[in-house]
Amino acid sequence: MPVSRPAVSQHLKALKDAGLVEERSEGVRRIYSLRPEGLQELRDWLDSFWDEALEAFKEEVEKSEGADE
């Protein structure tokens, strides 16, 4: 990968801090794996974001249609 080890470590730390991955040690290595619960939390947030955004868009379209009449 064209990314330095320190950069990868920083990204993994950010994912860990966000609760999206977990880490375990095996000797001198750190093994990272996805946390399904963390991904579900992200999915729930994205779903609510899009639900709100689409509802706001729908309301604007309906306002515009009402103004044309």
C-alpha atoms as a PDB file:
ATOM      1  CA  MET A   1       0.000   0.000   0.000  1.00  0.00           C
ATOM      2  CA  PRO A   2       1.261   3.505  -0.732  1.00  0.00           C
ATOM      3  CA  VAL A   3       0.404   4.577   2.834  1.00  0.00           C
ATOM      4  CA  SER A   4       2.953   4.796   5.622  1.00  0.00           C
ATOM      5  CA  ARG A   5       2.645   2.622   8.716  1.00  0.00           C
ATOM      6  CA  PRO A   6       2.162   5.664  10.975  1.00  0.00           C
ATOM      7  CA  ALA A   7      -0.696   6.848   8.754  1.00  0.00           C
ATOM      8  CA  VAL A   8      -2.346   3.417   8.884  1.00  0.00           C
ATOM      9  CA  SER A   9      -1.927   3.378  12.671  1.00  0.00           C
ATOM     10  CA  GLN A  10      -3.572   6.798  12.958  1.00  0.00           C
ATOM     11  CA  HIS A  11      -6.523   5.679  10.841  1.00  0.00           C
ATOM     12  CA  LEU A  12      -6.938   2.463  12.830  1.00  0.00           C
ATOM     13  CA  LYS A  13      -6.819   4.445  16.082  1.00  0.00           C
ATOM     14  CA  ALA A  14      -9.561   6.764  14.780  1.00  0.00           C
ATOM     15  CA  LEU A  15     -11.701   3.752  13.809  1.00  0.00           C
ATOM     16  CA  LYS A  16     -11.094   2.191  17.217  1.00  0.00           C
ATOM     17  CA  ASP A  17     -11.957   5.443  19.028  1.00  0.00           C
ATOM     18  CA  ALA A  18     -15.171   5.601  16.978  1.00  0.00           C
ATOM     19  CA  GLY A  19     -16.067   2.059  18.084  1.00  0.00           C
ATOM     20  CA  LEU A  20     -15.952   0.636  14.556  1.00  0.00           C
ATOM     21  CA  VAL A  21     -13.052  -1.768  15.151  1.00  0.00           C
ATOM     22  CA  GLU A  22     -11.551  -3.590  18.093  1.00  0.00           C
ATOM     23  CA  GLU A  23      -7.959  -4.554  18.677  1.00  0.00           C
ATOM     24  CA  ARG A  24      -6.201  -7.487  20.288  1.00  0.00           C
ATOM     25  CA  SER A  25      -2.521  -8.206  20.739  1.00  0.00           C
ATOM     26  CA  GLU A  26      -0.780 -11.298  19.423  1.00  0.00           C
ATOM     27  CA  GLY A  27       2.845 -11.050  20.446  1.00  0.00           C
ATOM     28  CA  VAL A  28       4.222  -7.842  18.964  1.00  0.00           C
ATOM     29  CA  ARG A  29       1.335  -7.513  16.508  1.00  0.00           C
ATOM     30  CA  ARG A  30      -2.001  -5.812  16.914  1.00  0.00           C
ATOM     31  CA  ILE A  31      -4.899  -7.485  15.170  1.00  0.00           C
ATOM     32  CA  TYR A  32      -7.898  -5.328  14.241  1.00  0.00           C
ATOM     33  CA  SER A  33     -11.370  -6.594  13.452  1.00  0.00           C
ATOM     34  CA  LEU A  34     -14.672  -4.956  12.684  1.00  0.00           C
ATOM     35  CA  ARG A  35     -17.211  -4.520  15.469  1.00  0.00           C
ATOM     36  CA  PRO A  36     -20.646  -5.423  14.045  1.00  0.00           C
ATOM     37  CA  GLU A  37     -22.294  -3.368  16.813  1.00  0.00           C
ATOM     38  CA  GLY A  38     -20.284  -0.314  15.826  1.00  0.00           C
ATOM     39  CA  LEU A  39     -21.187  -0.759  12.193  1.00  0.00           C
ATOM     40  CA  GLN A  40     -24.862  -1.090  13.132  1.00  0.00           C
ATOM     41  CA  GLU A  41     -24.645   2.179  15.070  1.00  0.00           C
ATOM     42  CA  LEU A  42     -23.121   3.819  11.986  1.00  0.00           C
ATOM     43  CA  ARG A  43     -25.824   2.316   9.768  1.00  0.00           C
ATOM     44  CA  ASP A  44     -28.555   3.565  12.117  1.00  0.00           C
ATOM     45  CA  TRP A  45     -27.059   7.074  12.058  1.00  0.00           C
ATOM     46  CA  LEU A  46     -26.779   7.070   8.257  1.00  0.00           C
ATOM     47  CA  ASP A  47     -30.355   5.807   7.923  1.00  0.00           C
ATOM     48  CA  SER A  48     -31.666   8.546  10.203  1.00  0.00           C
ATOM     49  CA  PHE A  49     -29.595  11.162   8.363  1.00  0.00           C
ATOM     50  CA  TRP A  50     -31.039  10.123   5.005  1.00  0.00           C
ATOM     51  CA  ASP A  51     -34.562   9.829   6.398  1.00  0.00           C
ATOM     52  CA  GLU A  52     -34.358  13.421   7.644  1.00  0.00           C
ATOM     53  CA  ALA A  53     -32.695  14.701   4.460  1.00  0.00           C
ATOM     54  CA  LEU A  54     -35.227  12.994   2.196  1.00  0.00           C
ATOM     55  CA  GLU A  55     -38.143  14.246   4.283  1.00  0.00           C
ATOM     56  CA  ALA A  56     -36.806  17.814   4.053  1.00  0.00           C
ATOM     57  CA  PHE A  57     -36.355  17.408   0.292  1.00  0.00           C
ATOM     58  CA  LYS A  58     -39.914  16.084  -0.048  1.00  0.00           C
ATOM     59  CA  GLU A  59     -41.275  19.071   1.873  1.00  0.00           C
ATOM     60  CA  GLU A  60     -39.386  21.511  -0.394  1.00  0.00           C
ATOM     61  CA  VAL A  61     -40.690  19.786  -3.533  1.00  0.00           C
ATOM     62  CA  GLU A  62     -44.238  19.900  -2.210  1.00  0.00           C
ATOM     63  CA  LYS A  63     -43.847  23.632  -1.409  1.00  0.00           C
ATOM     64  CA  SER A  64     -42.574  24.278  -4.934  1.00  0.00           C
ATOM     65  CA  GLU A  65     -45.438  22.335  -6.483  1.00  0.00           C
ATOM     66  CA  GLY A  66     -47.933  24.311  -4.391  1.00  0.00           C
ATOM     67  CA  ALA A  67     -46.397  27.610  -5.523  1.00  0.00           C
ATOM     68  CA  ASP A  68     -46.830  26.654  -9.192  1.00  0.00           C
ATOM     69  CA  GLU A  69     -50.585  26.231  -8.857  1.00  0.00           C
END
